Amino acid sequence: MEGVPVVGLLIKNERGVIVHGKNSWQFGCPLPAPLNKGDRILCRQALELAIGPGEYVYEVGLSMV
């Protein structure tokens, strides 16, 4: 499969409410060239969250467009 990768990050609280959800397109990151099978990428997101104490679910997603 060939395509341009999009990496996403989602954080939900213990009630299932999304407190943060963005992907590389929404951050305005430059899109890499299309990838081929076996290619590797490195992804990093830096963010500052002003969230209260509690339990959170952290999800990372990768798709190709």
Protein backbone atom coordinates (compact mmCIF):
# COMPACT_ATOMS: atom_id res chain seq x y z
CA MET A 1 0.00 0.00 0.00
CA GLU A 2 1.22 3.49 -0.78
CA GLY A 3 0.02 6.75 0.68
CA VAL A 4 0.69 9.80 2.82
CA PRO A 5 0.64 9.06 6.58
CA VAL A 6 -1.57 10.97 9.01
CA VAL A 7 -0.86 10.52 12.72
CA GLY A 8 -3.46 11.31 15.37
CA LEU A 9 -3.62 11.63 19.13
CA LEU A 10 -6.74 11.36 21.30
CA ILE A 11 -7.08 11.79 25.07
CA LYS A 12 -10.34 10.97 26.87
CA ASN A 13 -11.23 11.30 30.54
CA GLU A 14 -12.78 8.56 32.69
CA ARG A 15 -16.26 9.57 31.46
CA GLY A 16 -15.27 9.12 27.82
CA VAL A 17 -15.20 12.87 27.12
CA ILE A 18 -12.52 13.85 24.60
CA VAL A 19 -10.24 16.44 26.21
CA HIS A 20 -7.77 16.52 23.32
CA GLY A 21 -7.96 15.20 19.77
CA LYS A 22 -5.76 16.32 16.89
CA ASN A 23 -4.00 14.82 13.92
CA SER A 24 -1.01 15.91 11.87
CA TRP A 25 -3.21 17.64 9.27
CA GLN A 26 -4.88 19.74 11.97
CA PHE A 27 -1.50 20.78 13.39
CA GLY A 28 -0.45 22.01 9.94
CA CYS A 29 2.52 19.65 9.80
CA PRO A 30 4.22 19.38 6.43
CA LEU A 31 3.11 16.19 4.73
CA PRO A 32 5.85 13.73 3.88
CA ALA A 33 6.13 12.14 0.48
CA PRO A 34 3.99 9.04 -0.05
CA LEU A 35 5.34 6.01 1.79
CA ASN A 36 5.82 2.51 0.53
CA LYS A 37 5.75 -0.81 2.34
CA GLY A 38 8.71 -1.06 4.72
CA ASP A 39 9.31 2.71 4.97
CA ARG A 40 9.63 4.20 8.47
CA ILE A 41 8.48 7.51 9.93
CA LEU A 42 9.10 9.30 13.22
CA CYS A 43 6.22 11.27 14.76
CA ARG A 44 6.31 13.64 17.69
CA GLN A 45 3.66 15.93 19.13
CA ALA A 46 4.36 18.43 21.86
CA LEU A 47 1.36 19.85 23.67
CA GLU A 48 0.56 21.53 26.93
CA LEU A 49 -2.57 20.27 28.64
CA ALA A 50 -4.37 22.07 31.41
CA ILE A 51 -6.33 19.07 32.68
CA GLY A 52 -7.27 18.08 36.19
CA PRO A 53 -6.27 14.98 38.09
CA GLY A 54 -8.01 11.78 37.08
CA GLU A 55 -7.75 8.78 34.82
CA TYR A 56 -7.29 9.29 31.10
CA VAL A 57 -7.14 7.09 28.02
CA TYR A 58 -4.42 7.97 25.51
CA GLU A 59 -4.88 6.71 21.93
CA VAL A 60 -2.56 7.04 18.97
CA GLY A 61 -3.70 6.38 15.42
CA LEU A 62 -2.04 6.10 12.05
CA SER A 63 -3.77 6.15 8.68
CA MET A 64 -2.79 6.58 5.06
CA VAL A 65 -4.54 8.96 2.65
